[in-house]
Amino acid sequence: MEHTVAIVDDHILLTQAIGGLVDGFDNFRTLYCCKNGQELLDYLKRNEEKPEVVLMDINMPILNGIETTKILNATYPRIKVLALSIEVNEDTILQMLRAGAKGYLMKDTKKEILEEALLQVIENGYYHTNTVTKLLIDQLNNESRETQLKEREMEFIKLACTEKTYKEIADTMYLSTKTIEGYRDAIYEKLKINNRIGLVLYAIRSHIFTP
């Protein structure tokens, strides 16, 4: 059975090279190449034949990979998106996966890995490298810990990210210093951190506090 692939990337020469690789895989055919997400959506409207998998770049003009993936996931749920990007930022990777991408590959991936990823996405519905799997597990752990935080503990975290002393935080929250220290110790235990610096870094990474 022949599997069809669409490639979305604003670098034309790279797109053609990737298309050539895909066409060289057993039972795979490049259906079409697009320069951005909007061009892909236009193709999908005009053409009855839909690709099984879309190899999607992230940073593109007009309509980027994240927004395009959201639209595909809602409008063409049978089409599976496999991100193919140079972007290594963890937040961007997670945004792409949350948008509906079934896997995430770097553009310097070996062709054998690309072929394996395409097969896994078609057969199993997803493909995750060890790096992405670890990132997802860490994110789930962070979200789980955050859901355990009480409202007053969240308030304490936000204040702890300022220059206020613990006594000043206690005064602001109308609590005793001893109670504030209890909040601090409980939060450190929940988040598995050891000091105020670690707490600030966690708050920034989790978007609880914006510097």
C-alpha atoms as a PDB file:
ATOM      1  CA  MET A   1       0.000   0.000   0.000  1.00  0.00           C
ATOM      2  CA  GLU A   2       1.359   3.440  -0.945  1.00  0.00           C
ATOM      3  CA  HIS A   3       1.327   6.126   1.727  1.00  0.00           C
ATOM      4  CA  THR A   4       1.086   9.805   0.786  1.00  0.00           C
ATOM      5  CA  VAL A   5       2.954  12.706   2.376  1.00  0.00           C
ATOM      6  CA  ALA A   6       2.731  16.495   2.071  1.00  0.00           C
ATOM      7  CA  ILE A   7       5.677  18.702   3.014  1.00  0.00           C
ATOM      8  CA  VAL A   8       5.228  22.229   4.367  1.00  0.00           C
ATOM      9  CA  ASP A   9       8.366  24.370   4.598  1.00  0.00           C
ATOM     10  CA  ASP A  10       9.257  27.819   3.289  1.00  0.00           C
ATOM     11  CA  HIS A  11      12.744  26.705   2.194  1.00  0.00           C
ATOM     12  CA  ILE A  12      12.054  25.425  -1.320  1.00  0.00           C
ATOM     13  CA  LEU A  13      15.339  23.587  -1.911  1.00  0.00           C
ATOM     14  CA  LEU A  14      15.046  21.815   1.436  1.00  0.00           C
ATOM     15  CA  THR A  15      11.441  20.885   0.690  1.00  0.00           C
ATOM     16  CA  GLN A  16      12.472  19.372  -2.647  1.00  0.00           C
ATOM     17  CA  ALA A  17      15.284  17.443  -0.974  1.00  0.00           C
ATOM     18  CA  ILE A  18      12.949  16.054   1.690  1.00  0.00           C
ATOM     19  CA  GLY A  19      10.430  15.149  -0.996  1.00  0.00           C
ATOM     20  CA  GLY A  20      13.136  13.220  -2.826  1.00  0.00           C
ATOM     21  CA  LEU A  21      13.973  11.299   0.340  1.00  0.00           C
ATOM     22  CA  VAL A  22      10.324  10.441   0.954  1.00  0.00           C
ATOM     23  CA  ASP A  23       9.867   9.264  -2.630  1.00  0.00           C
ATOM     24  CA  GLY A  24      12.853   6.979  -2.111  1.00  0.00           C
ATOM     25  CA  PHE A  25      11.228   5.193   0.833  1.00  0.00           C
ATOM     26  CA  ASP A  26       9.349   1.967   0.148  1.00  0.00           C
ATOM     27  CA  ASN A  27       5.618   2.567  -0.328  1.00  0.00           C
ATOM     28  CA  PHE A  28       5.806   6.342   0.163  1.00  0.00           C
ATOM     29  CA  ARG A  29       4.993   9.162  -2.238  1.00  0.00           C
ATOM     30  CA  THR A  30       5.218  12.924  -1.868  1.00  0.00           C
ATOM     31  CA  LEU A  31       1.799  14.251  -2.782  1.00  0.00           C
ATOM     32  CA  TYR A  32       2.726  17.935  -2.823  1.00  0.00           C
ATOM     33  CA  CYS A  33       4.996  20.559  -1.246  1.00  0.00           C
ATOM     34  CA  CYS A  34       3.836  23.881   0.193  1.00  0.00           C
ATOM     35  CA  LYS A  35       5.660  27.036   1.301  1.00  0.00           C
ATOM     36  CA  ASN A  36       3.422  27.747   4.316  1.00  0.00           C
ATOM     37  CA  GLY A  37       0.360  26.582   6.180  1.00  0.00           C
ATOM     38  CA  GLN A  38      -2.105  28.646   4.185  1.00  0.00           C
ATOM     39  CA  GLU A  39      -0.856  27.165   0.931  1.00  0.00           C
ATOM     40  CA  LEU A  40      -1.383  23.691   2.392  1.00  0.00           C
ATOM     41  CA  LEU A  41      -4.950  24.512   3.437  1.00  0.00           C
ATOM     42  CA  ASP A  42      -5.644  25.869  -0.040  1.00  0.00           C
ATOM     43  CA  TYR A  43      -4.330  22.631  -1.575  1.00  0.00           C
ATOM     44  CA  LEU A  44      -6.499  20.542   0.715  1.00  0.00           C
ATOM     45  CA  LYS A  45      -9.605  22.489  -0.340  1.00  0.00           C
ATOM     46  CA  ARG A  46      -8.855  22.138  -4.045  1.00  0.00           C
ATOM     47  CA  ASN A  47      -7.677  18.520  -4.129  1.00  0.00           C
ATOM     48  CA  GLU A  48      -9.758  15.505  -3.282  1.00  0.00           C
ATOM     49  CA  GLU A  49      -6.725  13.335  -2.471  1.00  0.00           C
ATOM     50  CA  LYS A  50      -5.499  14.113   1.045  1.00  0.00           C
ATOM     51  CA  PRO A  51      -2.079  13.158   2.447  1.00  0.00           C
ATOM     52  CA  GLU A  52      -1.874  10.685   5.300  1.00  0.00           C
ATOM     53  CA  VAL A  53       0.995  12.563   6.902  1.00  0.00           C
ATOM     54  CA  VAL A  54       2.147  16.182   6.766  1.00  0.00           C
ATOM     55  CA  LEU A  55       5.797  16.964   7.485  1.00  0.00           C
ATOM     56  CA  MET A  56       5.407  20.395   9.036  1.00  0.00           C
ATOM     57  CA  ASP A  57       7.943  23.123   9.671  1.00  0.00           C
ATOM     58  CA  ILE A  58       7.153  25.589  12.475  1.00  0.00           C
ATOM     59  CA  ASN A  59       8.523  29.018  11.610  1.00  0.00           C
ATOM     60  CA  MET A  60       6.883  30.033   8.330  1.00  0.00           C
ATOM     61  CA  PRO A  61       5.342  33.235   6.968  1.00  0.00           C
ATOM     62  CA  ILE A  62       1.580  33.822   6.550  1.00  0.00           C
ATOM     63  CA  LEU A  63       0.537  30.793   8.641  1.00  0.00           C
ATOM     64  CA  ASN A  64       3.030  29.008  10.893  1.00  0.00           C
ATOM     65  CA  GLY A  65       3.220  25.332  11.750  1.00  0.00           C
ATOM     66  CA  ILE A  66       1.558  25.557  15.157  1.00  0.00           C
ATOM     67  CA  GLU A  67      -1.529  27.395  13.899  1.00  0.00           C
ATOM     68  CA  THR A  68      -1.739  25.198  10.809  1.00  0.00           C
ATOM     69  CA  THR A  69      -1.571  22.058  12.934  1.00  0.00           C
ATOM     70  CA  LYS A  70      -4.430  23.304  15.121  1.00  0.00           C
ATOM     71  CA  ILE A  71      -6.573  23.879  12.029  1.00  0.00           C
ATOM     72  CA  LEU A  72      -5.696  20.478  10.551  1.00  0.00           C
ATOM     73  CA  ASN A  73      -6.452  18.742  13.827  1.00  0.00           C
ATOM     74  CA  ALA A  74      -9.908  20.327  13.919  1.00  0.00           C
ATOM     75  CA  THR A  75     -10.760  20.191  10.210  1.00  0.00           C
ATOM     76  CA  TYR A  76      -8.908  17.142   8.879  1.00  0.00           C
ATOM     77  CA  PRO A  77      -8.426  14.886  11.941  1.00  0.00           C
ATOM     78  CA  ARG A  78      -7.368  11.896   9.821  1.00  0.00           C
ATOM     79  CA  ILE A  79      -4.277  13.748   8.601  1.00  0.00           C
ATOM     80  CA  LYS A  80      -1.363  13.184  10.949  1.00  0.00           C
ATOM     81  CA  VAL A  81       1.188  15.952  11.455  1.00  0.00           C
ATOM     82  CA  LEU A  82       4.846  15.163  12.057  1.00  0.00           C
ATOM     83  CA  ALA A  83       6.836  18.275  12.958  1.00  0.00           C
ATOM     84  CA  LEU A  84      10.176  18.666  11.182  1.00  0.00           C
ATOM     85  CA  SER A  85      12.025  21.721  12.437  1.00  0.00           C
ATOM     86  CA  ILE A  86      15.293  23.248  13.646  1.00  0.00           C
ATOM     87  CA  GLU A  87      13.474  24.693  16.669  1.00  0.00           C
ATOM     88  CA  VAL A  88      14.831  23.268  19.952  1.00  0.00           C
ATOM     89  CA  ASN A  89      12.971  25.524  22.399  1.00  0.00           C
ATOM     90  CA  GLU A  90      11.044  23.298  24.824  1.00  0.00           C
ATOM     91  CA  ASP A  91       8.014  25.604  24.966  1.00  0.00           C
ATOM     92  CA  THR A  92       7.762  25.619  21.169  1.00  0.00           C
ATOM     93  CA  ILE A  93       8.001  21.826  20.998  1.00  0.00           C
ATOM     94  CA  LEU A  94       5.253  21.494  23.614  1.00  0.00           C
ATOM     95  CA  GLN A  95       3.072  24.031  21.779  1.00  0.00           C
ATOM     96  CA  MET A  96       3.418  21.997  18.603  1.00  0.00           C
ATOM     97  CA  LEU A  97       2.516  18.757  20.374  1.00  0.00           C
ATOM     98  CA  ARG A  98      -0.438  20.394  22.119  1.00  0.00           C
ATOM     99  CA  ALA A  99      -1.614  21.701  18.737  1.00  0.00           C
ATOM    100  CA  GLY A 100      -1.946  18.077  17.616  1.00  0.00           C
ATOM    101  CA  ALA A 101       1.395  17.028  16.136  1.00  0.00           C
ATOM    102  CA  LYS A 102       1.969  13.284  16.448  1.00  0.00           C
ATOM    103  CA  GLY A 103       5.738  13.587  16.616  1.00  0.00           C
ATOM    104  CA  TYR A 104       8.658  15.989  16.491  1.00  0.00           C
ATOM    105  CA  LEU A 105      11.870  15.588  14.505  1.00  0.00           C
ATOM    106  CA  MET A 106      14.880  17.838  13.984  1.00  0.00           C
ATOM    107  CA  LYS A 107      15.862  18.670  10.417  1.00  0.00           C
ATOM    108  CA  ASP A 108      19.273  17.059  10.864  1.00  0.00           C
ATOM    109  CA  THR A 109      17.565  13.702  11.474  1.00  0.00           C
ATOM    110  CA  LYS A 110      19.016  10.775   9.527  1.00  0.00           C
ATOM    111  CA  LYS A 111      16.860   9.546   6.662  1.00  0.00           C
ATOM    112  CA  GLU A 112      16.459   6.142   8.351  1.00  0.00           C
ATOM    113  CA  ILE A 113      14.903   7.857  11.378  1.00  0.00           C
ATOM    114  CA  LEU A 114      12.606   9.914   9.147  1.00  0.00           C
ATOM    115  CA  GLU A 115      11.382   6.764   7.414  1.00  0.00           C
ATOM    116  CA  GLU A 116      10.853   5.017  10.754  1.00  0.00           C
ATOM    117  CA  ALA A 117       8.974   8.047  12.100  1.00  0.00           C
ATOM    118  CA  LEU A 118       6.640   8.124   9.107  1.00  0.00           C
ATOM    119  CA  LEU A 119       5.904   4.418   9.483  1.00  0.00           C
ATOM    120  CA  GLN A 120       5.308   4.723  13.234  1.00  0.00           C
ATOM    121  CA  VAL A 121       2.955   7.673  12.809  1.00  0.00           C
ATOM    122  CA  ILE A 122       0.908   5.765  10.225  1.00  0.00           C
ATOM    123  CA  GLU A 123       0.890   2.440  12.099  1.00  0.00           C
ATOM    124  CA  ASN A 124       0.751   3.593  15.726  1.00  0.00           C
ATOM    125  CA  GLY A 125      -0.550   7.137  15.498  1.00  0.00           C
ATOM    126  CA  TYR A 126       2.530   8.818  16.955  1.00  0.00           C
ATOM    127  CA  TYR A 127       6.326   8.872  17.027  1.00  0.00           C
ATOM    128  CA  HIS A 128       8.357  10.351  19.874  1.00  0.00           C
ATOM    129  CA  THR A 129      12.130  10.481  20.220  1.00  0.00           C
ATOM    130  CA  ASN A 130      13.650   9.899  23.666  1.00  0.00           C
ATOM    131  CA  THR A 131      14.133  13.664  24.039  1.00  0.00           C
ATOM    132  CA  VAL A 132      10.490  14.465  23.346  1.00  0.00           C
ATOM    133  CA  THR A 133       9.270  11.608  25.555  1.00  0.00           C
ATOM    134  CA  LYS A 134      11.318  12.947  28.477  1.00  0.00           C
ATOM    135  CA  LEU A 135      10.032  16.464  27.814  1.00  0.00           C
ATOM    136  CA  LEU A 136       6.422  15.252  27.885  1.00  0.00           C
ATOM    137  CA  ILE A 137       6.969  13.275  31.091  1.00  0.00           C
ATOM    138  CA  ASP A 138       8.618  16.283  32.766  1.00  0.00           C
ATOM    139  CA  GLN A 139       5.736  18.501  31.661  1.00  0.00           C
ATOM    140  CA  LEU A 140       3.141  16.078  33.033  1.00  0.00           C
ATOM    141  CA  ASN A 141       5.032  15.910  36.322  1.00  0.00           C
ATOM    142  CA  ASN A 142       5.175  19.704  36.540  1.00  0.00           C
ATOM    143  CA  GLU A 143       1.464  20.022  35.763  1.00  0.00           C
ATOM    144  CA  SER A 144       0.683  17.371  38.369  1.00  0.00           C
ATOM    145  CA  ARG A 145       2.688  19.224  40.996  1.00  0.00           C
ATOM    146  CA  GLU A 146       1.099  22.539  40.101  1.00  0.00           C
ATOM    147  CA  THR A 147      -2.411  21.135  40.505  1.00  0.00           C
ATOM    148  CA  GLN A 148      -1.446  20.173  44.064  1.00  0.00           C
ATOM    149  CA  LEU A 149      -0.674  23.788  44.959  1.00  0.00           C
ATOM    150  CA  LYS A 150      -3.334  25.614  46.953  1.00  0.00           C
ATOM    151  CA  GLU A 151      -4.502  29.126  46.109  1.00  0.00           C
ATOM    152  CA  ARG A 152      -2.611  30.685  49.000  1.00  0.00           C
ATOM    153  CA  GLU A 153       0.518  28.764  48.070  1.00  0.00           C
ATOM    154  CA  MET A 154       0.293  30.153  44.534  1.00  0.00           C
ATOM    155  CA  GLU A 155      -0.044  33.636  46.019  1.00  0.00           C
ATOM    156  CA  PHE A 156       3.060  32.991  48.123  1.00  0.00           C
ATOM    157  CA  ILE A 157       5.027  31.839  45.058  1.00  0.00           C
ATOM    158  CA  LYS A 158       4.204  35.030  43.173  1.00  0.00           C
ATOM    159  CA  LEU A 159       5.293  37.168  46.131  1.00  0.00           C
ATOM    160  CA  ALA A 160       8.435  35.078  46.610  1.00  0.00           C
ATOM    161  CA  CYS A 161       9.436  36.032  43.069  1.00  0.00           C
ATOM    162  CA  THR A 162       9.622  39.683  44.128  1.00  0.00           C
ATOM    163  CA  GLU A 163      12.273  41.352  46.292  1.00  0.00           C
ATOM    164  CA  LYS A 164      10.091  41.123  49.403  1.00  0.00           C
ATOM    165  CA  THR A 165      11.539  39.422  52.479  1.00  0.00           C
ATOM    166  CA  TYR A 166       9.618  36.554  54.065  1.00  0.00           C
ATOM    167  CA  LYS A 167       8.483  38.936  56.814  1.00  0.00           C
ATOM    168  CA  GLU A 168       7.184  41.394  54.211  1.00  0.00           C
ATOM    169  CA  ILE A 169       5.421  38.536  52.402  1.00  0.00           C
ATOM    170  CA  ALA A 170       3.831  37.530  55.730  1.00  0.00           C
ATOM    171  CA  ASP A 171       2.606  41.098  56.272  1.00  0.00           C
ATOM    172  CA  THR A 172       1.203  41.280  52.724  1.00  0.00           C
ATOM    173  CA  MET A 173      -0.692  38.004  53.183  1.00  0.00           C
ATOM    174  CA  TYR A 174      -1.776  38.900  56.738  1.00  0.00           C
ATOM    175  CA  LEU A 175      -0.099  35.795  58.110  1.00  0.00           C
ATOM    176  CA  SER A 176       2.597  35.089  60.634  1.00  0.00           C
ATOM    177  CA  THR A 177       6.186  34.570  59.544  1.00  0.00           C
ATOM    178  CA  LYS A 178       5.986  31.026  60.922  1.00  0.00           C
ATOM    179  CA  THR A 179       2.985  30.252  58.680  1.00  0.00           C
ATOM    180  CA  ILE A 180       4.807  31.673  55.648  1.00  0.00           C
ATOM    181  CA  GLU A 181       7.808  29.486  56.421  1.00  0.00           C
ATOM    182  CA  GLY A 182       5.393  26.544  56.550  1.00  0.00           C
ATOM    183  CA  TYR A 183       4.083  27.440  53.074  1.00  0.00           C
ATOM    184  CA  ARG A 184       7.645  27.697  51.830  1.00  0.00           C
ATOM    185  CA  ASP A 185       8.694  24.293  53.183  1.00  0.00           C
ATOM    186  CA  ALA A 186       5.545  22.587  51.879  1.00  0.00           C
ATOM    187  CA  ILE A 187       6.033  24.077  48.403  1.00  0.00           C
ATOM    188  CA  TYR A 188       9.707  23.108  48.331  1.00  0.00           C
ATOM    189  CA  GLU A 189       8.677  19.539  49.123  1.00  0.00           C
ATOM    190  CA  LYS A 190       5.920  19.435  46.493  1.00  0.00           C
ATOM    191  CA  LEU A 191       8.082  20.911  43.740  1.00  0.00           C
ATOM    192  CA  LYS A 192      11.266  19.060  44.742  1.00  0.00           C
ATOM    193  CA  ILE A 193      13.321  22.237  44.979  1.00  0.00           C
ATOM    194  CA  ASN A 194      15.739  23.424  47.654  1.00  0.00           C
ATOM    195  CA  ASN A 195      15.849  27.213  47.640  1.00  0.00           C
ATOM    196  CA  ARG A 196      14.177  30.450  46.602  1.00  0.00           C
ATOM    197  CA  ILE A 197      16.157  30.639  43.358  1.00  0.00           C
ATOM    198  CA  GLY A 198      14.771  27.255  42.330  1.00  0.00           C
ATOM    199  CA  LEU A 199      11.276  28.477  43.221  1.00  0.00           C
ATOM    200  CA  VAL A 200      11.633  31.573  41.032  1.00  0.00           C
ATOM    201  CA  LEU A 201      12.946  29.516  38.108  1.00  0.00           C
ATOM    202  CA  TYR A 202      10.013  27.102  38.463  1.00  0.00           C
ATOM    203  CA  ALA A 203       7.537  29.989  38.580  1.00  0.00           C
ATOM    204  CA  ILE A 204       8.973  31.556  35.419  1.00  0.00           C
ATOM    205  CA  ARG A 205       9.109  28.245  33.543  1.00  0.00           C
ATOM    206  CA  SER A 206       5.524  27.425  34.552  1.00  0.00           C
ATOM    207  CA  HIS A 207       4.296  30.916  33.626  1.00  0.00           C
ATOM    208  CA  ILE A 208       3.181  31.580  37.202  1.00  0.00           C
ATOM    209  CA  PHE A 209       5.419  34.638  37.280  1.00  0.00           C
ATOM    210  CA  THR A 210       6.629  36.825  34.410  1.00  0.00           C
ATOM    211  CA  PRO A 211       9.756  38.923  35.138  1.00  0.00           C
END
